[in-house]
Amino acid sequence: MRFDELDLEAEILDGLEDMNFREMTPVQEQTIPIILEGRDIIGCAQTGTGKTAAYTLPLLNKLLIEGNDDNVVKSVIIVPTRELAQQIDQQFQGFSYYLPVSTTVVYGGGDGKGWDVQKRGMLMGSDVVIATPGRMIAHLQNSGIDLSHVEYLILDEADRMLDMGFSDDIMRIVSFMPKERQTILFSATLPPKIRTLAKTILRNPAEVNIAISKPNEAIDQSAYICYESQKLGIIRELFAEPSGSKTIIFSSSKLKVKELAHTLKRMKLNVAAMHSDLEQVQREEVMLAFKNNKVDILVATDIVARGIDIEDIGLVINYDVPRDPEDYIHRIGRTARAAATGSAMTFVSEDEQGRFHQIEKFIERDIRKAELPEAVGEGPKYAPAESRGRGGRDGRGRNGRNAGDGQRGERGGRRRNRRGRGANGGASAEVSIVGVERQSVDAARPQAGAEDPISMAQMQPDNDHGSGRGEGNRGTRDRKRRHRGGRRHRRGNKSTEHSGSPAGSSGVGAQNE
């Protein structure tokens, strides 16, 4: 389905045309019409399917039609991390190029000027406020922010926010808003806790499920079964020649990220590290350099595994196996965004085989085992059942020999071909739309595995409740309101069922979440 088949304002369609956005993704096709109708909605879709544009485009459309005569906060988007908040703001700037729409981004970190900029933006009446929970709570406590006129509430990455302990914060923020509003909730999974939240704050929502908890079929997945001591050698062989595309290397430990980035720099590779010890300004600089092709390889913790949309990532490498299958899906989801293809490789040591096998069971497929490069020697066999009983934790096999010392186990084979890219296009998604009564929300299956405490800490949530210290943000983008009063006065009966609410937009790459 094409965007121009929707009942969107001409300015929005002009912006989409300028950015060559013509065909909708499945999640956009199924959710945008429902949001335009004014219904509450639960959207469940895998990463990289275009979720951000699915709610930003209808939000922008409603804002344009209704206007903001009273200069109040009309819509609030709550997200788990500052990186995602920044990304959504950038996407708004892209899609709203022709629109008189203002945004304010609210999150912690940065210098002392940020707090005042955020406060001023909200007090002046921003059309869209994009905020992390902790910072919004702080402003509600100290800045006199008025959310009593909010007509649209969007919760993005809701499962992640609950995993990070923001449930009480979300409910407190909602308590400052009118009950008569349109609420949109997007989540990668629908565990019972999300169902409970939806039952509490949504009204008879429609539910859209698309390819829940399954990796994008356009991702060429593979695994190297190796000793821990061989992982660095595999990296060296993979990047012996320029890759020609952006690469992210994930590790669950920020210490390992630092050490690995340092080692790769000594190999003369163009590398930058991303972890929670960096100041906010440093993190922004690293992400900007990576996006602008000034950095070829980003070594990162799970801080960038969710919700960050970066174009042209051709390869994702899991230097270690994620502790949670959901984290694996989100990590590899950084490549093959929208209709693109990409590759994902996972380094699996002996001690990690059991955990990797759980991932294979979770996604219901066997991941191809790639042949080790000849230069690194032979690796262990893949025997996840046996690996559970092994006592070695230092990269040693059953015989106690370290592969780095030249001892050989099962034959690892010849050097594999240069990494290829998945040949398939985007996955065909099964979509179900179900009206869910508020009083009778079915419980979903429990989420597989708890979140890794280390990776959760690395996400650096904005959790400084009540803090008055200054935090920087992208500020307020106030444009001259050519039609401040909106279009409903000259459009006759063409107005929304729900009192004036926004539809969000996204910038370049908006289809990719």
Protein backbone atom coordinates (compact mmCIF):
# COMPACT_ATOMS: atom_id res chain seq x y z
CA MET A 1 0.00 0.00 0.00
CA ARG A 2 1.26 3.48 -0.85
CA PHE A 3 1.36 6.47 1.50
CA ASP A 4 -0.58 8.58 -0.99
CA GLU A 5 -3.54 6.20 -0.57
CA LEU A 6 -3.93 7.40 3.01
CA ASP A 7 -5.96 10.42 4.03
CA LEU A 8 -2.88 12.48 4.90
CA GLU A 9 -2.44 16.22 4.45
CA ALA A 10 -0.68 17.44 1.34
CA GLU A 11 2.31 18.83 3.27
CA ILE A 12 3.01 15.44 4.81
CA LEU A 13 2.72 13.68 1.47
CA ASP A 14 5.08 16.27 -0.04
CA GLY A 15 7.65 15.50 2.66
CA LEU A 16 7.31 11.77 2.09
CA GLU A 17 7.73 12.26 -1.64
CA ASP A 18 10.88 14.35 -1.15
CA MET A 19 12.39 11.53 0.93
CA ASN A 20 11.29 8.84 -1.56
CA PHE A 21 8.95 7.21 0.93
CA ARG A 22 6.22 5.65 -1.18
CA GLU A 23 5.41 2.11 -0.03
CA MET A 24 4.39 1.40 3.54
CA THR A 25 5.80 -1.41 5.64
CA PRO A 26 3.29 -3.96 7.03
CA VAL A 27 3.19 -2.37 10.48
CA GLN A 28 2.58 1.07 8.95
CA GLU A 29 -0.14 -0.24 6.66
CA GLN A 30 -1.96 -1.90 9.54
CA THR A 31 -1.59 0.76 12.24
CA ILE A 32 -1.74 4.19 10.56
CA PRO A 33 -5.42 3.93 9.48
CA ILE A 34 -6.40 2.81 13.00
CA ILE A 35 -4.52 5.70 14.62
CA LEU A 36 -6.07 8.16 12.18
CA GLU A 37 -9.50 6.90 13.32
CA GLY A 38 -8.65 7.98 16.85
CA ARG A 39 -8.55 4.48 18.41
CA ASP A 40 -6.13 3.36 21.10
CA ILE A 41 -3.75 0.73 19.81
CA ILE A 42 -1.23 -1.87 20.95
CA GLY A 43 1.40 -2.38 18.26
CA CYS A 44 3.74 -5.33 18.54
CA ALA A 45 6.41 -5.62 15.88
CA GLN A 46 10.04 -6.63 15.58
CA THR A 47 12.74 -4.02 15.34
CA GLY A 48 13.36 -2.41 11.98
CA THR A 49 9.78 -2.64 10.72
CA GLY A 50 8.95 1.06 10.67
CA LYS A 51 7.27 1.50 14.03
CA THR A 52 8.32 5.10 14.53
CA ALA A 53 6.78 6.31 11.28
CA ALA A 54 3.68 4.27 12.08
CA TYR A 55 2.79 6.60 14.93
CA THR A 56 4.58 9.83 13.95
CA LEU A 57 2.86 10.27 10.59
CA PRO A 58 -0.73 10.12 11.90
CA LEU A 59 0.32 12.27 14.85
CA LEU A 60 1.64 15.00 12.56
CA ASN A 61 -1.51 14.81 10.49
CA LYS A 62 -3.72 15.41 13.51
CA LEU A 63 -1.53 18.26 14.75
CA LEU A 64 -1.70 19.98 11.41
CA ILE A 65 -5.49 19.73 11.22
CA GLU A 66 -6.24 20.74 14.80
CA GLY A 67 -3.57 23.35 15.42
CA ASN A 68 -2.59 24.58 18.88
CA ASP A 69 -4.39 27.87 19.57
CA ASP A 70 -3.81 27.69 23.31
CA ASN A 71 -0.06 26.96 23.13
CA VAL A 72 -0.26 23.87 25.32
CA VAL A 73 1.52 20.51 25.36
CA LYS A 74 -0.64 18.47 22.99
CA SER A 75 1.22 15.17 22.73
CA VAL A 76 3.78 13.25 24.77
CA ILE A 77 6.04 10.44 23.58
CA ILE A 78 7.71 8.43 26.36
CA VAL A 79 10.83 6.41 25.47
CA PRO A 80 13.37 4.46 27.54
CA THR A 81 16.64 6.13 26.49
CA ARG A 82 17.94 9.52 25.46
CA GLU A 83 19.35 8.10 22.24
CA LEU A 84 15.92 6.99 21.11
CA ALA A 85 14.45 10.36 22.11
CA GLN A 86 17.00 12.15 19.94
CA GLN A 87 16.38 9.84 17.03
CA ILE A 88 12.62 10.37 17.13
CA ASP A 89 13.14 14.13 17.20
CA GLN A 90 15.35 13.90 14.13
CA GLN A 91 12.68 11.91 12.38
CA PHE A 92 10.07 14.53 13.24
CA GLN A 93 12.28 17.17 11.71
CA GLY A 94 12.44 15.19 8.49
CA PHE A 95 8.75 14.44 8.03
CA SER A 96 7.53 17.79 9.34
CA TYR A 97 9.73 19.85 7.05
CA TYR A 98 6.69 21.59 5.54
CA LEU A 99 4.71 21.75 8.78
CA PRO A 100 4.46 24.37 11.54
CA VAL A 101 5.15 21.86 14.33
CA SER A 102 7.30 22.32 17.43
CA THR A 103 9.09 19.60 19.39
CA THR A 104 10.84 19.56 22.75
CA VAL A 105 13.18 16.73 23.73
CA VAL A 106 13.45 16.01 27.45
CA TYR A 107 16.21 13.80 28.84
CA GLY A 108 19.07 13.82 31.31
CA GLY A 109 22.78 14.31 30.82
CA GLY A 110 24.67 17.14 29.14
CA ASP A 111 25.37 20.60 30.50
CA GLY A 112 23.40 22.84 32.85
CA LYS A 113 21.58 24.69 30.09
CA GLY A 114 19.52 21.71 29.05
CA TRP A 115 17.12 21.84 31.97
CA ASP A 116 16.10 25.44 31.30
CA VAL A 117 15.74 24.78 27.55
CA GLN A 118 13.47 21.83 28.21
CA LYS A 119 11.42 23.72 30.79
CA ARG A 120 10.96 26.72 28.52
CA GLY A 121 9.95 24.55 25.57
CA MET A 122 7.21 22.80 27.52
CA LEU A 123 5.92 25.94 29.25
CA MET A 124 5.64 27.68 25.87
CA GLY A 125 3.40 24.89 24.65
CA SER A 126 5.17 22.35 22.52
CA ASP A 127 3.16 20.33 20.03
CA VAL A 128 5.25 17.24 20.72
CA VAL A 129 7.26 16.43 23.85
CA ILE A 130 9.62 13.47 23.54
CA ALA A 131 10.83 12.44 26.98
CA THR A 132 12.50 9.80 29.09
CA PRO A 133 10.46 8.92 32.20
CA GLY A 134 12.87 10.09 34.89
CA ARG A 135 13.44 13.51 33.38
CA MET A 136 9.73 14.08 32.80
CA ILE A 137 9.04 13.22 36.44
CA ALA A 138 11.69 15.73 37.52
CA HIS A 139 10.08 18.48 35.44
CA LEU A 140 6.62 17.67 36.75
CA GLN A 141 7.98 18.03 40.28
CA ASN A 142 10.04 21.18 39.77
CA SER A 143 9.04 23.07 36.61
CA GLY A 144 5.28 23.45 36.84
CA ILE A 145 4.71 21.59 33.57
CA ASP A 146 1.04 21.26 32.62
CA LEU A 147 -0.02 18.01 30.95
CA SER A 148 -3.74 18.53 31.46
CA HIS A 149 -4.28 19.30 27.76
CA VAL A 150 -2.47 16.25 26.38
CA GLU A 151 -4.58 14.57 23.72
CA TYR A 152 -2.09 11.95 22.57
CA LEU A 153 0.19 9.70 24.58
CA ILE A 154 2.66 7.35 22.90
CA LEU A 155 4.73 4.74 24.73
CA ASP A 156 7.55 3.47 22.54
CA GLU A 157 9.70 0.47 23.51
CA ALA A 158 7.24 -0.16 26.34
CA ASP A 159 8.67 -3.58 27.16
CA ARG A 160 12.11 -2.07 27.59
CA MET A 161 10.81 0.67 29.87
CA LEU A 162 9.16 -1.87 32.15
CA ASP A 163 12.32 -3.98 32.18
CA MET A 164 14.22 -0.87 33.26
CA GLY A 165 11.90 -0.30 36.20
CA PHE A 166 9.89 2.62 34.83
CA SER A 167 6.42 1.19 35.45
CA ASP A 168 5.64 3.45 38.43
CA ASP A 169 7.07 6.48 36.62
CA ILE A 170 4.86 5.86 33.61
CA MET A 171 1.76 5.59 35.76
CA ARG A 172 2.66 8.79 37.58
CA ILE A 173 3.15 10.69 34.31
CA VAL A 174 -0.19 9.38 33.05
CA SER A 175 -1.89 10.64 36.23
CA PHE A 176 -1.14 14.23 35.13
CA MET A 177 -2.98 13.70 31.83
CA PRO A 178 -6.70 13.72 31.03
CA LYS A 179 -8.39 10.34 30.80
CA GLU A 180 -9.97 11.34 27.51
CA ARG A 181 -7.01 10.96 25.18
CA GLN A 182 -5.70 8.67 22.50
CA THR A 183 -3.01 6.28 23.76
CA ILE A 184 -0.64 4.36 21.49
CA LEU A 185 1.64 1.65 22.86
CA PHE A 186 4.40 0.00 20.84
CA SER A 187 6.41 -2.94 22.11
CA ALA A 188 8.67 -5.63 20.66
CA THR A 189 6.99 -8.26 22.83
CA LEU A 190 3.70 -8.60 24.70
CA PRO A 191 4.51 -10.26 28.04
CA PRO A 192 1.87 -10.21 30.82
CA LYS A 193 3.24 -7.01 32.33
CA ILE A 194 2.62 -5.16 29.06
CA ARG A 195 -0.90 -6.56 28.94
CA THR A 196 -1.49 -5.31 32.45
CA LEU A 197 -0.21 -1.85 31.60
CA ALA A 198 -2.37 -1.74 28.46
CA LYS A 199 -5.44 -2.78 30.43
CA THR A 200 -4.81 0.07 32.86
CA ILE A 201 -4.17 3.02 30.52
CA LEU A 202 -5.74 2.07 27.16
CA ARG A 203 -9.41 2.07 26.20
CA ASN A 204 -10.67 -0.82 24.09
CA PRO A 205 -7.48 -0.87 22.01
CA ALA A 206 -6.95 -2.46 18.65
CA GLU A 207 -4.06 -4.87 18.63
CA VAL A 208 -1.60 -5.32 15.76
CA ASN A 209 0.89 -8.19 15.88
CA ILE A 210 3.60 -8.52 13.26
CA ALA A 211 6.32 -11.18 13.37
CA ILE A 212 6.72 -11.13 17.14
CA SER A 213 10.12 -12.05 18.44
CA LYS A 214 11.50 -13.31 15.17
CA PRO A 215 14.56 -11.94 13.40
CA ASN A 216 14.13 -10.23 10.06
CA GLU A 217 14.35 -12.86 7.33
CA ALA A 218 16.55 -10.49 5.32
CA ILE A 219 19.36 -11.00 7.85
CA ASP A 220 21.93 -13.63 6.89
CA GLN A 221 22.65 -15.22 10.29
CA SER A 222 25.74 -17.30 11.01
CA ALA A 223 27.85 -18.40 13.97
CA TYR A 224 31.52 -19.18 14.56
CA ILE A 225 31.97 -22.02 17.04
CA CYS A 226 35.30 -21.12 18.58
CA TYR A 227 37.43 -20.89 21.68
CA GLU A 228 37.38 -17.61 23.53
CA SER A 229 41.00 -17.02 22.59
CA GLN A 230 40.17 -17.31 18.88
CA LYS A 231 37.61 -14.49 18.76
CA LEU A 232 40.11 -11.71 18.21
CA GLY A 233 41.80 -13.68 15.45
CA ILE A 234 38.46 -14.07 13.66
CA ILE A 235 37.99 -10.30 13.84
CA ARG A 236 41.45 -9.80 12.39
CA GLU A 237 40.69 -12.09 9.47
CA LEU A 238 37.26 -10.58 8.79
CA PHE A 239 38.70 -7.10 8.51
CA ALA A 240 41.92 -7.95 6.73
CA GLU A 241 40.35 -6.15 3.80
CA PRO A 242 38.01 -3.12 3.90
CA SER A 243 34.45 -4.26 4.43
CA GLY A 244 32.80 -1.44 2.49
CA SER A 245 29.93 -1.07 4.97
CA LYS A 246 29.26 -0.04 8.55
CA THR A 247 29.74 -2.67 11.26
CA ILE A 248 28.59 -2.90 14.88
CA ILE A 249 30.36 -5.27 17.26
CA PHE A 250 28.33 -5.98 20.41
CA SER A 251 29.56 -7.12 23.80
CA SER A 252 27.65 -7.35 27.07
CA SER A 253 30.56 -5.98 29.09
CA LYS A 254 31.64 -2.35 28.86
CA LEU A 255 35.11 -3.37 30.02
CA LYS A 256 35.37 -5.79 27.11
CA VAL A 257 34.09 -3.07 24.76
CA LYS A 258 36.85 -0.72 25.87
CA GLU A 259 39.55 -3.36 25.53
CA LEU A 260 38.31 -4.58 22.16
CA ALA A 261 38.07 -1.06 20.73
CA HIS A 262 41.61 -0.34 21.90
CA THR A 263 42.91 -3.54 20.31
CA LEU A 264 41.15 -2.88 17.00
CA LYS A 265 42.56 0.64 16.87
CA ARG A 266 46.05 -0.89 17.21
CA MET A 267 45.15 -2.96 14.13
CA LYS A 268 44.70 0.37 12.30
CA LEU A 269 40.95 -0.09 12.02
CA ASN A 270 38.65 2.93 12.08
CA VAL A 271 36.89 2.15 15.36
CA ALA A 272 34.93 3.97 18.06
CA ALA A 273 33.52 2.66 21.34
CA MET A 274 30.03 3.27 22.75
CA HIS A 275 29.29 2.48 26.40
CA SER A 276 27.68 3.95 29.49
CA ASP A 277 30.89 5.48 30.88
CA LEU A 278 30.86 8.09 28.11
CA GLU A 279 29.37 11.49 28.82
CA GLN A 280 26.27 12.38 26.86
CA VAL A 281 28.16 14.79 24.60
CA GLN A 282 30.72 12.09 23.84
CA ARG A 283 27.99 9.57 23.02
CA GLU A 284 26.36 12.00 20.62
CA GLU A 285 29.69 12.68 18.93
CA VAL A 286 30.37 8.96 18.48
CA MET A 287 26.92 8.29 17.02
CA LEU A 288 27.17 11.24 14.66
CA ALA A 289 30.60 10.13 13.44
CA PHE A 290 29.28 6.62 12.85
CA LYS A 291 26.22 7.82 10.98
CA ASN A 292 28.32 10.14 8.81
CA ASN A 293 30.78 7.37 7.84
CA LYS A 294 33.66 8.92 9.78
CA VAL A 295 33.78 5.71 11.81
CA ASP A 296 33.57 2.30 10.12
CA ILE A 297 33.23 0.02 13.14
CA LEU A 298 31.27 0.74 16.31
CA VAL A 299 32.09 -1.45 19.33
CA ALA A 300 29.17 -1.15 21.72
CA THR A 301 27.30 -2.50 24.67
CA ASP A 302 23.57 -3.08 24.40
CA ILE A 303 23.11 0.67 24.79
CA VAL A 304 22.55 0.84 21.01
CA ALA A 305 20.85 -2.53 20.59
CA ARG A 306 17.33 -1.13 20.79
CA GLY A 307 15.60 1.71 19.13
CA ILE A 308 18.54 3.31 17.33
CA ASP A 309 18.12 3.63 13.60
CA ILE A 310 21.38 3.87 11.67
CA GLU A 311 21.43 3.49 7.93
CA ASP A 312 23.62 1.15 5.91
CA ILE A 313 24.80 -1.19 8.64
CA GLY A 314 25.90 -4.21 6.64
CA LEU A 315 27.21 -6.40 9.47
CA VAL A 316 26.47 -7.00 13.13
CA ILE A 317 28.90 -9.11 15.15
CA ASN A 318 28.03 -10.55 18.55
CA TYR A 319 31.46 -10.82 20.14
CA ASP A 320 29.76 -12.72 22.93
CA VAL A 321 26.41 -14.47 23.06
CA PRO A 322 23.65 -12.31 24.54
CA ARG A 323 22.21 -13.60 27.79
CA ASP A 324 18.65 -13.12 26.58
CA PRO A 325 17.23 -14.31 23.23
CA GLU A 326 15.32 -11.03 22.95
CA ASP A 327 18.61 -9.15 23.19
CA TYR A 328 19.94 -11.25 20.32
CA ILE A 329 16.99 -10.25 18.16
CA HIS A 330 17.44 -6.59 18.98
CA ARG A 331 21.18 -6.68 18.40
CA ILE A 332 21.01 -8.22 14.95
CA GLY A 333 18.03 -6.02 14.14
CA ARG A 334 20.44 -3.10 13.67
CA THR A 335 21.12 -4.46 10.19
CA ALA A 336 18.69 -5.20 7.35
CA ARG A 337 16.56 -2.20 8.24
CA ALA A 338 13.28 -1.86 6.32
CA ALA A 339 13.82 -3.45 2.89
CA ALA A 340 17.62 -3.71 3.10
CA THR A 341 19.67 -6.85 3.68
CA GLY A 342 22.56 -7.52 6.03
CA SER A 343 24.61 -10.10 7.89
CA ALA A 344 24.83 -11.07 11.56
CA MET A 345 27.62 -13.19 13.02
CA THR A 346 27.89 -14.57 16.53
CA PHE A 347 31.08 -15.81 18.17
CA VAL A 348 30.19 -18.81 20.33
CA SER A 349 32.76 -20.09 22.80
CA GLU A 350 32.43 -23.46 24.53
CA ASP A 351 30.90 -21.93 27.65
CA GLU A 352 28.37 -20.03 25.55
CA GLN A 353 27.07 -22.94 23.50
CA GLY A 354 24.18 -23.70 25.81
CA ARG A 355 23.02 -20.10 25.78
CA PHE A 356 23.33 -19.93 21.99
CA HIS A 357 21.28 -23.10 21.64
CA GLN A 358 18.52 -21.45 23.67
CA ILE A 359 18.50 -18.63 21.13
CA GLU A 360 18.12 -21.14 18.30
CA LYS A 361 15.20 -22.76 20.11
CA PHE A 362 13.63 -19.36 20.75
CA ILE A 363 13.73 -18.28 17.09
CA GLU A 364 12.82 -21.83 16.00
CA ARG A 365 15.65 -22.33 13.53
CA ASP A 366 19.22 -23.60 13.37
CA ILE A 367 21.70 -20.84 12.67
CA ARG A 368 24.31 -21.71 10.06
CA LYS A 369 27.71 -22.65 11.55
CA ALA A 370 30.42 -20.93 9.52
CA GLU A 371 33.86 -22.42 8.93
CA LEU A 372 36.62 -20.81 10.93
CA PRO A 373 39.34 -18.95 9.05
CA GLU A 374 42.37 -21.21 8.59
CA ALA A 375 44.62 -18.67 10.28
CA VAL A 376 42.93 -19.10 13.68
CA GLY A 377 43.17 -22.86 13.76
CA GLU A 378 40.50 -25.41 14.56
CA GLY A 379 37.71 -24.83 17.03
CA PRO A 380 35.59 -27.01 19.29
CA LYS A 381 32.64 -29.01 18.08
CA TYR A 382 29.17 -27.65 18.60
CA ALA A 383 27.75 -29.74 21.43
CA PRO A 384 25.56 -27.49 23.56
CA ALA A 385 24.27 -30.37 25.70
CA GLU A 386 27.83 -31.38 26.61
CA SER A 387 28.94 -27.80 27.20
CA ARG A 388 26.61 -27.47 30.16
CA GLY A 389 28.72 -29.94 32.09
CA ARG A 390 32.10 -28.48 31.32
CA GLY A 391 33.90 -26.66 34.00
CA GLY A 392 36.21 -24.61 31.87
CA ARG A 393 35.60 -20.86 31.92
CA ASP A 394 38.74 -19.63 30.24
CA GLY A 395 38.34 -20.82 26.69
CA ARG A 396 39.62 -24.35 27.36
CA GLY A 397 38.19 -27.53 25.87
CA ARG A 398 37.37 -30.80 27.54
CA ASN A 399 41.00 -31.83 27.54
CA GLY A 400 42.06 -28.60 29.21
CA ARG A 401 44.03 -27.42 26.23
CA ASN A 402 43.78 -23.88 25.04
CA ALA A 403 43.26 -23.42 21.33
CA GLY A 404 45.49 -20.39 21.42
CA ASP A 405 48.40 -22.67 22.29
CA GLY A 406 47.99 -24.53 19.03
CA GLN A 407 46.03 -27.48 20.38
CA ARG A 408 43.43 -28.74 17.93
CA GLY A 409 39.98 -30.11 18.51
CA GLU A 410 37.41 -30.87 15.85
CA ARG A 411 38.36 -29.74 12.40
CA GLY A 412 37.31 -26.11 11.86
CA GLY A 413 37.67 -26.23 8.08
CA ARG A 414 38.89 -23.83 5.46
CA ARG A 415 38.63 -20.09 5.62
CA ARG A 416 35.08 -19.16 4.86
CA ASN A 417 34.10 -16.98 1.97
CA ARG A 418 33.96 -13.29 2.51
CA ARG A 419 30.80 -12.43 4.34
CA GLY A 420 27.82 -12.15 2.14
CA ARG A 421 24.56 -10.39 2.50
CA GLY A 422 21.19 -11.95 2.80
CA ALA A 423 19.54 -12.40 -0.52
CA ASN A 424 16.02 -12.11 0.66
CA GLY A 425 14.04 -8.96 0.91
CA GLY A 426 11.87 -8.04 3.85
CA ALA A 427 9.99 -10.80 5.58
CA SER A 428 6.35 -11.31 4.87
CA ALA A 429 4.62 -10.62 8.14
CA GLU A 430 1.49 -12.19 9.50
CA VAL A 431 -0.76 -9.47 10.79
CA SER A 432 -3.66 -9.85 13.13
CA ILE A 433 -5.89 -7.03 14.26
CA VAL A 434 -7.96 -7.80 17.29
CA GLY A 435 -10.22 -5.54 19.31
CA VAL A 436 -9.25 -5.97 22.92
CA GLU A 437 -11.75 -4.99 25.59
CA ARG A 438 -10.22 -3.18 28.50
CA GLN A 439 -11.78 -5.54 31.00
CA SER A 440 -10.71 -8.73 29.28
CA VAL A 441 -7.12 -8.62 28.17
CA ASP A 442 -5.65 -12.05 27.60
CA ALA A 443 -2.37 -12.84 29.28
CA ALA A 444 0.55 -13.50 27.01
CA ARG A 445 3.25 -16.05 27.54
CA PRO A 446 6.05 -15.03 29.88
CA GLN A 447 9.03 -13.35 28.35
CA ALA A 448 11.86 -15.75 27.74
CA GLY A 449 14.61 -14.95 30.18
CA ALA A 450 15.24 -11.96 32.38
CA GLU A 451 17.12 -8.93 31.17
CA ASP A 452 20.82 -8.94 31.76
CA PRO A 453 21.50 -6.68 34.77
CA ILE A 454 24.72 -5.51 33.20
CA SER A 455 23.16 -4.57 29.92
CA MET A 456 20.29 -2.87 31.69
CA ALA A 457 22.70 -0.66 33.53
CA GLN A 458 24.43 0.11 30.31
CA MET A 459 21.25 1.50 28.84
CA GLN A 460 21.69 4.50 31.15
CA PRO A 461 18.06 5.29 31.79
CA ASP A 462 17.24 8.82 32.81
CA ASN A 463 16.36 7.97 36.37
CA ASP A 464 17.28 11.05 38.39
CA HIS A 465 13.86 11.68 39.88
CA GLY A 466 13.34 15.13 41.21
CA SER A 467 16.75 16.26 40.14
CA GLY A 468 17.15 19.86 39.21
CA ARG A 469 20.55 19.59 37.68
CA GLY A 470 20.79 20.79 34.15
CA GLU A 471 20.60 18.35 31.33
CA GLY A 472 21.12 19.14 27.71
CA ASN A 473 18.79 18.30 24.89
CA ARG A 474 18.14 19.20 21.33
CA GLY A 475 15.97 21.98 22.57
CA THR A 476 12.76 23.28 21.12
CA ARG A 477 12.18 23.55 17.44
CA ASP A 478 9.58 26.26 17.11
CA ARG A 479 8.56 27.00 13.58
CA LYS A 480 6.38 29.82 12.43
CA ARG A 481 2.86 28.54 12.59
CA ARG A 482 1.42 29.32 9.23
CA HIS A 483 -1.92 27.87 10.35
CA ARG A 484 -1.71 27.99 14.13
CA GLY A 485 -5.39 27.41 14.49
CA GLY A 486 -5.30 24.26 12.42
CA ARG A 487 -7.41 23.31 9.43
CA ARG A 488 -10.66 22.10 10.93
CA HIS A 489 -12.22 25.55 10.55
CA ARG A 490 -11.90 25.46 6.79
CA ARG A 491 -12.17 21.71 6.22
CA GLY A 492 -15.81 21.47 7.19
CA ASN A 493 -16.55 18.14 8.79
CA LYS A 494 -13.15 16.62 8.03
CA SER A 495 -11.85 16.28 11.56
CA THR A 496 -10.81 13.42 13.70
CA GLU A 497 -13.10 11.45 15.93
CA HIS A 498 -10.84 12.09 18.82
CA SER A 499 -10.17 15.69 19.77
CA GLY A 500 -7.18 16.97 17.94
CA SER A 501 -4.23 14.74 18.23
CA PRO A 502 -1.02 14.34 16.50
CA ALA A 503 0.41 11.80 14.30
CA GLY A 504 4.08 11.36 14.37
CA SER A 505 6.60 11.52 11.69
CA SER A 506 10.06 10.50 11.17
CA GLY A 507 12.99 11.70 9.21
CA VAL A 508 15.32 9.95 6.84
CA GLY A 509 15.13 6.28 7.54
CA ALA A 510 11.90 6.65 9.43
CA GLN A 511 10.62 3.40 8.09
CA ASN A 512 13.31 1.71 10.05
CA GLU A 513 11.73 2.26 13.42
